């Protein structure tokens, strides 16, 4: 292989070896220490950061079901009112697209 004879060759070997080492280390940790692997998994809702932030938020707010995502949603959105009609153009489009006569419904809706 001519690539290994260039200046980039050793770098490619180091990157491949490092990637393989990380992959196999993760597999070993996941197999031997599944709780540790779960605590470090960034996509898990049981990882240390997720549990820590939510526990601290629950302690501060007194809400046992506190979650940071729910808190941020509540801060940046107004409360939901199911009785409030849709606003502006969206409401007009909604009422204009509803069929008045059942015979005027599209064929796939019959």
C-alpha atoms as a PDB file:
ATOM      1  CA  UNK A   1       0.000   0.000   0.000  1.00  0.00           C
ATOM      2  CA  UNK A   2       1.495   3.275  -1.106  1.00  0.00           C
ATOM      3  CA  UNK A   3      -0.536   5.318   1.400  1.00  0.00           C
ATOM      4  CA  UNK A   4       1.455   3.928   4.315  1.00  0.00           C
ATOM      5  CA  UNK A   5       4.700   5.143   2.722  1.00  0.00           C
ATOM      6  CA  UNK A   6       3.569   8.790   2.780  1.00  0.00           C
ATOM      7  CA  UNK A   7       3.611  11.259   5.673  1.00  0.00           C
ATOM      8  CA  UNK A   8      -0.118  10.654   6.241  1.00  0.00           C
ATOM      9  CA  UNK A   9       0.394   6.893   6.565  1.00  0.00           C
ATOM     10  CA  UNK A  10       1.410   6.789  10.238  1.00  0.00           C
ATOM     11  CA  UNK A  11      -1.385   9.218  11.119  1.00  0.00           C
ATOM     12  CA  UNK A  12      -3.941   6.954   9.469  1.00  0.00           C
ATOM     13  CA  UNK A  13      -2.574   3.975  11.374  1.00  0.00           C
ATOM     14  CA  UNK A  14      -2.759   5.885  14.682  1.00  0.00           C
ATOM     15  CA  UNK A  15      -6.304   7.080  14.024  1.00  0.00           C
ATOM     16  CA  UNK A  16      -7.471   3.579  13.076  1.00  0.00           C
ATOM     17  CA  UNK A  17      -5.746   2.010  16.086  1.00  0.00           C
ATOM     18  CA  UNK A  18      -7.145   4.665  18.426  1.00  0.00           C
ATOM     19  CA  UNK A  19     -10.666   4.192  17.062  1.00  0.00           C
ATOM     20  CA  UNK A  20     -10.422   0.436  17.423  1.00  0.00           C
ATOM     21  CA  UNK A  21      -9.088   0.792  20.985  1.00  0.00           C
ATOM     22  CA  UNK A  22     -11.962   3.105  21.967  1.00  0.00           C
ATOM     23  CA  UNK A  23     -14.493   0.758  20.370  1.00  0.00           C
ATOM     24  CA  UNK A  24     -13.181  -2.327  22.144  1.00  0.00           C
ATOM     25  CA  UNK A  25     -12.804  -0.477  25.453  1.00  0.00           C
ATOM     26  CA  UNK A  26     -16.434   0.626  25.202  1.00  0.00           C
ATOM     27  CA  UNK A  27     -17.517  -2.952  24.491  1.00  0.00           C
ATOM     28  CA  UNK A  28     -15.582  -4.249  27.509  1.00  0.00           C
ATOM     29  CA  UNK A  29     -16.995  -1.563  29.803  1.00  0.00           C
ATOM     30  CA  UNK A  30     -20.483  -2.199  28.470  1.00  0.00           C
ATOM     31  CA  UNK A  31     -20.177  -5.935  29.045  1.00  0.00           C
ATOM     32  CA  UNK A  32     -18.432  -5.935  32.421  1.00  0.00           C
ATOM     33  CA  UNK A  33     -19.890  -2.769  33.917  1.00  0.00           C
ATOM     34  CA  UNK A  34     -23.332  -2.200  32.377  1.00  0.00           C
ATOM     35  CA  UNK A  35     -24.318   0.347  35.045  1.00  0.00           C
ATOM     36  CA  UNK A  36     -21.205   2.395  34.305  1.00  0.00           C
ATOM     37  CA  UNK A  37     -21.895   2.223  30.582  1.00  0.00           C
ATOM     38  CA  UNK A  38     -25.495   3.331  31.150  1.00  0.00           C
ATOM     39  CA  UNK A  39     -24.361   6.221  33.361  1.00  0.00           C
ATOM     40  CA  UNK A  40     -21.953   7.439  30.646  1.00  0.00           C
ATOM     41  CA  UNK A  41     -24.281   6.923  27.668  1.00  0.00           C
ATOM     42  CA  UNK A  42     -25.214  10.427  26.441  1.00  0.00           C
ATOM     43  CA  UNK A  43     -28.469   9.227  24.843  1.00  0.00           C
ATOM     44  CA  UNK A  44     -29.794   7.564  27.988  1.00  0.00           C
ATOM     45  CA  UNK A  45     -32.285   9.121  30.358  1.00  0.00           C
ATOM     46  CA  UNK A  46     -30.382   7.378  33.158  1.00  0.00           C
ATOM     47  CA  UNK A  47     -27.006   9.045  32.571  1.00  0.00           C
ATOM     48  CA  UNK A  48     -25.321  10.986  35.361  1.00  0.00           C
ATOM     49  CA  UNK A  49     -25.861  14.475  33.935  1.00  0.00           C
ATOM     50  CA  UNK A  50     -29.572  13.924  33.275  1.00  0.00           C
ATOM     51  CA  UNK A  51     -30.243  12.458  36.696  1.00  0.00           C
ATOM     52  CA  UNK A  52     -28.087  15.072  38.452  1.00  0.00           C
ATOM     53  CA  UNK A  53     -29.709  18.092  36.801  1.00  0.00           C
ATOM     54  CA  UNK A  54     -33.212  16.750  37.363  1.00  0.00           C
ATOM     55  CA  UNK A  55     -32.477  15.860  41.003  1.00  0.00           C
ATOM     56  CA  UNK A  56     -31.088  19.338  41.657  1.00  0.00           C
ATOM     57  CA  UNK A  57     -34.099  20.930  39.947  1.00  0.00           C
ATOM     58  CA  UNK A  58     -36.473  18.774  41.981  1.00  0.00           C
ATOM     59  CA  UNK A  59     -34.732  19.834  45.184  1.00  0.00           C
ATOM     60  CA  UNK A  60     -34.897  23.529  44.269  1.00  0.00           C
ATOM     61  CA  UNK A  61     -38.477  23.613  42.953  1.00  0.00           C
ATOM     62  CA  UNK A  62     -39.999  20.964  45.208  1.00  0.00           C
ATOM     63  CA  UNK A  63     -41.480  19.205  42.155  1.00  0.00           C
ATOM     64  CA  UNK A  64     -40.584  15.500  42.319  1.00  0.00           C
ATOM     65  CA  UNK A  65     -41.273  15.095  38.580  1.00  0.00           C
ATOM     66  CA  UNK A  66     -39.000  18.013  37.555  1.00  0.00           C
ATOM     67  CA  UNK A  67     -37.170  17.783  34.242  1.00  0.00           C
ATOM     68  CA  UNK A  68     -34.986  20.477  32.735  1.00  0.00           C
ATOM     69  CA  UNK A  69     -36.577  20.087  29.307  1.00  0.00           C
ATOM     70  CA  UNK A  70     -40.086  20.511  30.699  1.00  0.00           C
ATOM     71  CA  UNK A  71     -38.981  23.511  32.754  1.00  0.00           C
ATOM     72  CA  UNK A  72     -37.431  25.233  29.730  1.00  0.00           C
ATOM     73  CA  UNK A  73     -40.551  24.544  27.672  1.00  0.00           C
ATOM     74  CA  UNK A  74     -42.702  26.126  30.388  1.00  0.00           C
ATOM     75  CA  UNK A  75     -40.413  29.176  30.558  1.00  0.00           C
ATOM     76  CA  UNK A  76     -40.384  29.864  26.810  1.00  0.00           C
ATOM     77  CA  UNK A  77     -43.992  28.935  25.897  1.00  0.00           C
ATOM     78  CA  UNK A  78     -47.277  30.299  27.109  1.00  0.00           C
ATOM     79  CA  UNK A  79     -49.642  27.904  28.882  1.00  0.00           C
ATOM     80  CA  UNK A  80     -51.752  25.725  26.621  1.00  0.00           C
ATOM     81  CA  UNK A  81     -55.432  26.657  26.457  1.00  0.00           C
ATOM     82  CA  UNK A  82     -57.522  24.076  24.579  1.00  0.00           C
ATOM     83  CA  UNK A  83     -60.420  26.546  24.297  1.00  0.00           C
ATOM     84  CA  UNK A  84     -58.424  29.245  22.510  1.00  0.00           C
ATOM     85  CA  UNK A  85     -58.980  29.248  18.747  1.00  0.00           C
ATOM     86  CA  UNK A  86     -56.041  29.134  16.393  1.00  0.00           C
ATOM     87  CA  UNK A  87     -54.760  32.593  15.565  1.00  0.00           C
ATOM     88  CA  UNK A  88     -54.857  34.545  12.327  1.00  0.00           C
ATOM     89  CA  UNK A  89     -54.273  33.013   8.937  1.00  0.00           C
ATOM     90  CA  UNK A  90     -54.018  29.437  10.220  1.00  0.00           C
ATOM     91  CA  UNK A  91     -57.572  29.636  11.615  1.00  0.00           C
ATOM     92  CA  UNK A  92     -58.897  31.064   8.339  1.00  0.00           C
ATOM     93  CA  UNK A  93     -57.190  28.342   6.323  1.00  0.00           C
ATOM     94  CA  UNK A  94     -58.525  25.675   8.658  1.00  0.00           C
ATOM     95  CA  UNK A  95     -62.127  26.814   8.333  1.00  0.00           C
ATOM     96  CA  UNK A  96     -61.807  27.314   4.568  1.00  0.00           C
ATOM     97  CA  UNK A  97     -60.498  23.800   3.984  1.00  0.00           C
ATOM     98  CA  UNK A  98     -63.194  21.940   5.904  1.00  0.00           C
ATOM     99  CA  UNK A  99     -65.855  20.561   3.533  1.00  0.00           C
ATOM    100  CA  UNK A 100     -69.341  21.891   4.141  1.00  0.00           C
ATOM    101  CA  UNK A 101     -71.187  19.275   2.127  1.00  0.00           C
ATOM    102  CA  UNK A 102     -70.258  15.603   2.787  1.00  0.00           C
ATOM    103  CA  UNK A 103     -70.596  14.944  -0.968  1.00  0.00           C
ATOM    104  CA  UNK A 104     -67.803  17.442  -1.639  1.00  0.00           C
ATOM    105  CA  UNK A 105     -65.248  15.394   0.313  1.00  0.00           C
ATOM    106  CA  UNK A 106     -62.301  14.047  -1.658  1.00  0.00           C
ATOM    107  CA  UNK A 107     -62.637  10.494  -2.924  1.00  0.00           C
ATOM    108  CA  UNK A 108     -60.025   9.048  -0.522  1.00  0.00           C
ATOM    109  CA  UNK A 109     -61.944  10.375   2.506  1.00  0.00           C
ATOM    110  CA  UNK A 110     -65.223   8.645   1.606  1.00  0.00           C
END
